[in-house]
Amino acid sequence: VVDLPPMLDEYYVSRGWSAEGVPSAAKLARLGLAP
């Protein structure tokens, strides 16, 4: 059985997302998606 929550935390951090899986404002700006 895979312990998914700790893996998700690491994945989100590596992507520049919040703990809830939402991209940060800085990440959106780097992608050219900032409002």
Foldseek 3Di string as FASTA:
>chain_A
DDPPLVVLCVVCVVQCHDSVNHHDLVSCVVVVNHD
